[in-house]
Amino acid sequence: MIKNIVPSIGNILVEKGWTMGTAESCTGGLVAATLTDFSGSSAWFSGAVIAYSNEIKMSLLQVPESVIIEHGAVSEPTVRAMAQGVCKTLNVNAGISISGIAGPSGGTRDKPVGTVWMGWHVNGKTSAEKYIFSGDRMNVKQQSLQTVLEKLLEILKRS
């Protein structure tokens, strides 16, 4: 499925004259690596911020410290700010963000392993969604990759 999604994302971005970037935490750059596996992606993919620590989320992506303190790194306000921040930092039209608990440790009652928040900031509009994925660490990362790109394609088609 990724084989079809990424070229479609790229085609839409090129048609619009837009570029994109990623802000990734629990996926550790998997999304950026997947996007750049496709020849020609340099025409529309600008870069990525691997924001594993809260300090990087705050300093490079401009996530307010108060958001992380109040809501945590795995939350809707954080991924919204990450998606907006990557667009500002990289000067791109479209940004995606992912923050979650891939496991096997780190989960809580309120945020179990597999909890992943994703954000999209496309042409000035921000949205975010929460997902609960199952499986081991790599399964959670792979499901996150598939989901974030499918949703990005939907958003780009509507933009």
C-alpha atoms as a PDB file:
ATOM      1  CA  MET A   1       0.000   0.000   0.000  1.00  0.00           C
ATOM      2  CA  ILE A   2       2.842   2.419   0.793  1.00  0.00           C
ATOM      3  CA  LYS A   3       4.061   1.878  -2.780  1.00  0.00           C
ATOM      4  CA  ASN A   4       0.926   3.654  -4.021  1.00  0.00           C
ATOM      5  CA  ILE A   5       0.493   6.230  -1.260  1.00  0.00           C
ATOM      6  CA  VAL A   6       3.892   7.924  -1.357  1.00  0.00           C
ATOM      7  CA  PRO A   7       3.941   8.645  -5.118  1.00  0.00           C
ATOM      8  CA  SER A   8       0.391  10.022  -4.831  1.00  0.00           C
ATOM      9  CA  ILE A   9       1.458  12.314  -1.978  1.00  0.00           C
ATOM     10  CA  GLY A  10       4.452  13.443  -4.009  1.00  0.00           C
ATOM     11  CA  ASN A  11       2.388  14.106  -7.128  1.00  0.00           C
ATOM     12  CA  ILE A  12      -0.120  16.247  -5.255  1.00  0.00           C
ATOM     13  CA  LEU A  13       2.620  18.226  -3.514  1.00  0.00           C
ATOM     14  CA  VAL A  14       4.433  18.847  -6.818  1.00  0.00           C
ATOM     15  CA  GLU A  15       1.183  19.883  -8.534  1.00  0.00           C
ATOM     16  CA  LYS A  16       0.552  22.420  -5.761  1.00  0.00           C
ATOM     17  CA  GLY A  17       4.180  23.565  -5.637  1.00  0.00           C
ATOM     18  CA  TRP A  18       4.325  22.562  -1.972  1.00  0.00           C
ATOM     19  CA  THR A  19       6.908  20.847   0.194  1.00  0.00           C
ATOM     20  CA  MET A  20       6.527  18.826   3.367  1.00  0.00           C
ATOM     21  CA  GLY A  21       8.408  17.702   6.452  1.00  0.00           C
ATOM     22  CA  THR A  22       7.986  15.350   9.372  1.00  0.00           C
ATOM     23  CA  ALA A  23       8.260  15.679  13.140  1.00  0.00           C
ATOM     24  CA  GLU A  24       8.664  12.200  14.571  1.00  0.00           C
ATOM     25  CA  SER A  25       9.047  10.856  18.063  1.00  0.00           C
ATOM     26  CA  CYS A  26       8.063   7.190  18.498  1.00  0.00           C
ATOM     27  CA  THR A  27       8.676   6.362  14.819  1.00  0.00           C
ATOM     28  CA  GLY A  28      12.243   7.640  15.056  1.00  0.00           C
ATOM     29  CA  GLY A  29      12.489   8.763  11.432  1.00  0.00           C
ATOM     30  CA  LEU A  30      10.696   5.802   9.860  1.00  0.00           C
ATOM     31  CA  VAL A  31       8.274   8.083   8.016  1.00  0.00           C
ATOM     32  CA  ALA A  32      11.043  10.291   6.629  1.00  0.00           C
ATOM     33  CA  ALA A  33      13.072   7.243   5.614  1.00  0.00           C
ATOM     34  CA  THR A  34      10.063   5.762   3.823  1.00  0.00           C
ATOM     35  CA  LEU A  35       9.329   9.000   1.962  1.00  0.00           C
ATOM     36  CA  THR A  36      12.928   9.317   0.812  1.00  0.00           C
ATOM     37  CA  ASP A  37      13.001   5.724  -0.429  1.00  0.00           C
ATOM     38  CA  PHE A  38      11.186   7.040  -3.514  1.00  0.00           C
ATOM     39  CA  SER A  39      13.170   8.570  -6.344  1.00  0.00           C
ATOM     40  CA  GLY A  40      12.283  12.203  -6.905  1.00  0.00           C
ATOM     41  CA  SER A  41      11.196  12.833  -3.317  1.00  0.00           C
ATOM     42  CA  SER A  42      13.700  15.682  -3.067  1.00  0.00           C
ATOM     43  CA  ALA A  43      11.286  17.732  -5.195  1.00  0.00           C
ATOM     44  CA  TRP A  44       8.726  17.758  -2.388  1.00  0.00           C
ATOM     45  CA  PHE A  45      10.280  16.419   0.849  1.00  0.00           C
ATOM     46  CA  SER A  46      12.367  19.008   2.722  1.00  0.00           C
ATOM     47  CA  GLY A  47      13.400  17.207   5.894  1.00  0.00           C
ATOM     48  CA  ALA A  48      12.589  15.820   9.290  1.00  0.00           C
ATOM     49  CA  VAL A  49      13.038  16.535  12.953  1.00  0.00           C
ATOM     50  CA  ILE A  50      13.441  13.431  15.094  1.00  0.00           C
ATOM     51  CA  ALA A  51      12.140  14.849  18.351  1.00  0.00           C
ATOM     52  CA  TYR A  52      12.500  11.961  20.750  1.00  0.00           C
ATOM     53  CA  SER A  53      13.148  14.127  23.796  1.00  0.00           C
ATOM     54  CA  ASN A  54      10.851  16.803  25.167  1.00  0.00           C
ATOM     55  CA  GLU A  55      13.748  19.262  24.984  1.00  0.00           C
ATOM     56  CA  ILE A  56      13.938  18.843  21.200  1.00  0.00           C
ATOM     57  CA  LYS A  57      10.165  19.130  20.901  1.00  0.00           C
ATOM     58  CA  MET A  58      10.383  22.452  22.726  1.00  0.00           C
ATOM     59  CA  SER A  59      13.546  23.883  21.172  1.00  0.00           C
ATOM     60  CA  LEU A  60      13.302  22.814  17.516  1.00  0.00           C
ATOM     61  CA  LEU A  61       9.539  22.441  17.116  1.00  0.00           C
ATOM     62  CA  GLN A  62       8.449  25.258  19.433  1.00  0.00           C
ATOM     63  CA  VAL A  63       6.146  23.084  21.525  1.00  0.00           C
ATOM     64  CA  PRO A  64       5.416  25.189  24.613  1.00  0.00           C
ATOM     65  CA  GLU A  65       6.786  23.667  27.820  1.00  0.00           C
ATOM     66  CA  SER A  66       3.388  24.277  29.426  1.00  0.00           C
ATOM     67  CA  VAL A  67       1.745  21.974  26.854  1.00  0.00           C
ATOM     68  CA  ILE A  68       4.111  19.120  27.664  1.00  0.00           C
ATOM     69  CA  ILE A  69       3.773  19.661  31.410  1.00  0.00           C
ATOM     70  CA  GLU A  70      -0.022  19.857  31.298  1.00  0.00           C
ATOM     71  CA  HIS A  71      -0.810  17.230  28.640  1.00  0.00           C
ATOM     72  CA  GLY A  72       2.338  15.132  28.206  1.00  0.00           C
ATOM     73  CA  ALA A  73       4.387  14.382  25.108  1.00  0.00           C
ATOM     74  CA  VAL A  74       1.804  11.871  23.860  1.00  0.00           C
ATOM     75  CA  SER A  75      -1.192  14.166  23.497  1.00  0.00           C
ATOM     76  CA  GLU A  76      -3.299  16.088  21.021  1.00  0.00           C
ATOM     77  CA  PRO A  77      -1.930  19.540  21.953  1.00  0.00           C
ATOM     78  CA  THR A  78       1.651  18.290  21.630  1.00  0.00           C
ATOM     79  CA  VAL A  79       1.250  16.760  18.163  1.00  0.00           C
ATOM     80  CA  ARG A  80      -0.658  19.810  16.950  1.00  0.00           C
ATOM     81  CA  ALA A  81       2.202  22.022  18.093  1.00  0.00           C
ATOM     82  CA  MET A  82       4.778  19.615  16.603  1.00  0.00           C
ATOM     83  CA  ALA A  83       3.056  19.644  13.187  1.00  0.00           C
ATOM     84  CA  GLN A  84       2.833  23.434  13.190  1.00  0.00           C
ATOM     85  CA  GLY A  85       6.394  23.720  14.480  1.00  0.00           C
ATOM     86  CA  VAL A  86       7.919  21.512  11.783  1.00  0.00           C
ATOM     87  CA  CYS A  87       6.234  23.648   9.139  1.00  0.00           C
ATOM     88  CA  LYS A  88       7.755  26.793  10.654  1.00  0.00           C
ATOM     89  CA  THR A  89      11.171  25.247  11.276  1.00  0.00           C
ATOM     90  CA  LEU A  90      11.489  23.744   7.784  1.00  0.00           C
ATOM     91  CA  ASN A  91       9.440  26.414   5.983  1.00  0.00           C
ATOM     92  CA  VAL A  92       7.112  23.851   4.397  1.00  0.00           C
ATOM     93  CA  ASN A  93       3.412  23.833   3.483  1.00  0.00           C
ATOM     94  CA  ALA A  94       2.621  20.418   4.962  1.00  0.00           C
ATOM     95  CA  GLY A  95       3.868  18.821   8.147  1.00  0.00           C
ATOM     96  CA  ILE A  96       3.059  15.633   9.975  1.00  0.00           C
ATOM     97  CA  SER A  97       3.829  14.715  13.554  1.00  0.00           C
ATOM     98  CA  ILE A  98       3.790  11.503  15.533  1.00  0.00           C
ATOM     99  CA  SER A  99       4.214  10.947  19.266  1.00  0.00           C
ATOM    100  CA  GLY A 100       3.341   7.711  20.979  1.00  0.00           C
ATOM    101  CA  ILE A 101       4.217   4.775  23.168  1.00  0.00           C
ATOM    102  CA  ALA A 102       5.604   1.990  20.976  1.00  0.00           C
ATOM    103  CA  GLY A 103       6.452  -0.273  23.908  1.00  0.00           C
ATOM    104  CA  PRO A 104       7.028  -2.714  25.289  1.00  0.00           C
ATOM    105  CA  SER A 105       7.492  -0.385  28.287  1.00  0.00           C
ATOM    106  CA  GLY A 106       6.304   3.150  28.951  1.00  0.00           C
ATOM    107  CA  GLY A 107       2.569   2.596  28.971  1.00  0.00           C
ATOM    108  CA  THR A 108       0.212   3.713  31.712  1.00  0.00           C
ATOM    109  CA  ARG A 109      -3.459   3.079  32.477  1.00  0.00           C
ATOM    110  CA  ASP A 110      -4.405   6.329  30.722  1.00  0.00           C
ATOM    111  CA  LYS A 111      -1.910   5.882  27.872  1.00  0.00           C
ATOM    112  CA  PRO A 112      -1.284   2.186  27.265  1.00  0.00           C
ATOM    113  CA  VAL A 113       1.415   0.822  24.983  1.00  0.00           C
ATOM    114  CA  GLY A 114       0.233   1.350  21.413  1.00  0.00           C
ATOM    115  CA  THR A 115      -1.227   4.805  22.064  1.00  0.00           C
ATOM    116  CA  VAL A 116      -0.151   7.108  19.247  1.00  0.00           C
ATOM    117  CA  TRP A 117      -1.193  10.698  18.561  1.00  0.00           C
ATOM    118  CA  MET A 118      -0.692  12.050  15.042  1.00  0.00           C
ATOM    119  CA  GLY A 119      -0.945  15.589  13.757  1.00  0.00           C
ATOM    120  CA  TRP A 120      -1.189  17.136  10.306  1.00  0.00           C
ATOM    121  CA  HIS A 121      -0.638  20.787   9.469  1.00  0.00           C
ATOM    122  CA  VAL A 122      -1.448  21.392   5.815  1.00  0.00           C
ATOM    123  CA  ASN A 123      -1.687  24.823   4.217  1.00  0.00           C
ATOM    124  CA  GLY A 124      -2.431  26.523   7.531  1.00  0.00           C
ATOM    125  CA  LYS A 125      -4.961  24.006   8.910  1.00  0.00           C
ATOM    126  CA  THR A 126      -4.148  21.643  11.772  1.00  0.00           C
ATOM    127  CA  SER A 127      -5.821  18.385  12.755  1.00  0.00           C
ATOM    128  CA  ALA A 128      -4.914  15.543  15.090  1.00  0.00           C
ATOM    129  CA  GLU A 129      -6.123  12.033  15.864  1.00  0.00           C
ATOM    130  CA  LYS A 130      -5.457   9.397  18.492  1.00  0.00           C
ATOM    131  CA  TYR A 131      -4.933   5.742  17.658  1.00  0.00           C
ATOM    132  CA  ILE A 132      -4.433   2.624  19.738  1.00  0.00           C
ATOM    133  CA  PHE A 133      -2.337   0.088  17.848  1.00  0.00           C
ATOM    134  CA  SER A 134      -1.550  -3.474  18.870  1.00  0.00           C
ATOM    135  CA  GLY A 135       1.452  -5.703  18.527  1.00  0.00           C
ATOM    136  CA  ASP A 136       5.106  -5.274  19.332  1.00  0.00           C
ATOM    137  CA  ARG A 137       7.210  -2.127  18.964  1.00  0.00           C
ATOM    138  CA  MET A 138       7.796  -2.571  15.236  1.00  0.00           C
ATOM    139  CA  ASN A 139       4.102  -3.300  14.622  1.00  0.00           C
ATOM    140  CA  VAL A 140       3.145  -0.045  16.344  1.00  0.00           C
ATOM    141  CA  LYS A 141       5.695   1.880  14.267  1.00  0.00           C
ATOM    142  CA  GLN A 142       4.578   0.267  11.006  1.00  0.00           C
ATOM    143  CA  GLN A 143       0.890   0.908  11.741  1.00  0.00           C
ATOM    144  CA  SER A 144       1.745   4.515  12.594  1.00  0.00           C
ATOM    145  CA  LEU A 145       3.609   4.919   9.300  1.00  0.00           C
ATOM    146  CA  GLN A 146       0.738   3.537   7.242  1.00  0.00           C
ATOM    147  CA  THR A 147      -1.913   5.546   9.066  1.00  0.00           C
ATOM    148  CA  VAL A 148      -0.145   8.909   9.049  1.00  0.00           C
ATOM    149  CA  LEU A 149       0.524   8.696   5.302  1.00  0.00           C
ATOM    150  CA  GLU A 150      -2.995   7.498   4.432  1.00  0.00           C
ATOM    151  CA  LYS A 151      -4.477  10.413   6.360  1.00  0.00           C
ATOM    152  CA  LEU A 152      -2.006  12.883   4.807  1.00  0.00           C
ATOM    153  CA  LEU A 153      -3.081  11.747   1.344  1.00  0.00           C
ATOM    154  CA  GLU A 154      -6.754  12.255   2.279  1.00  0.00           C
ATOM    155  CA  ILE A 155      -6.017  15.757   3.577  1.00  0.00           C
ATOM    156  CA  LEU A 156      -3.967  16.708   0.513  1.00  0.00           C
ATOM    157  CA  LYS A 157      -6.748  15.552  -1.829  1.00  0.00           C
ATOM    158  CA  ARG A 158      -9.155  17.911  -0.023  1.00  0.00           C
ATOM    159  CA  SER A 159      -6.755  20.882   0.104  1.00  0.00           C
END
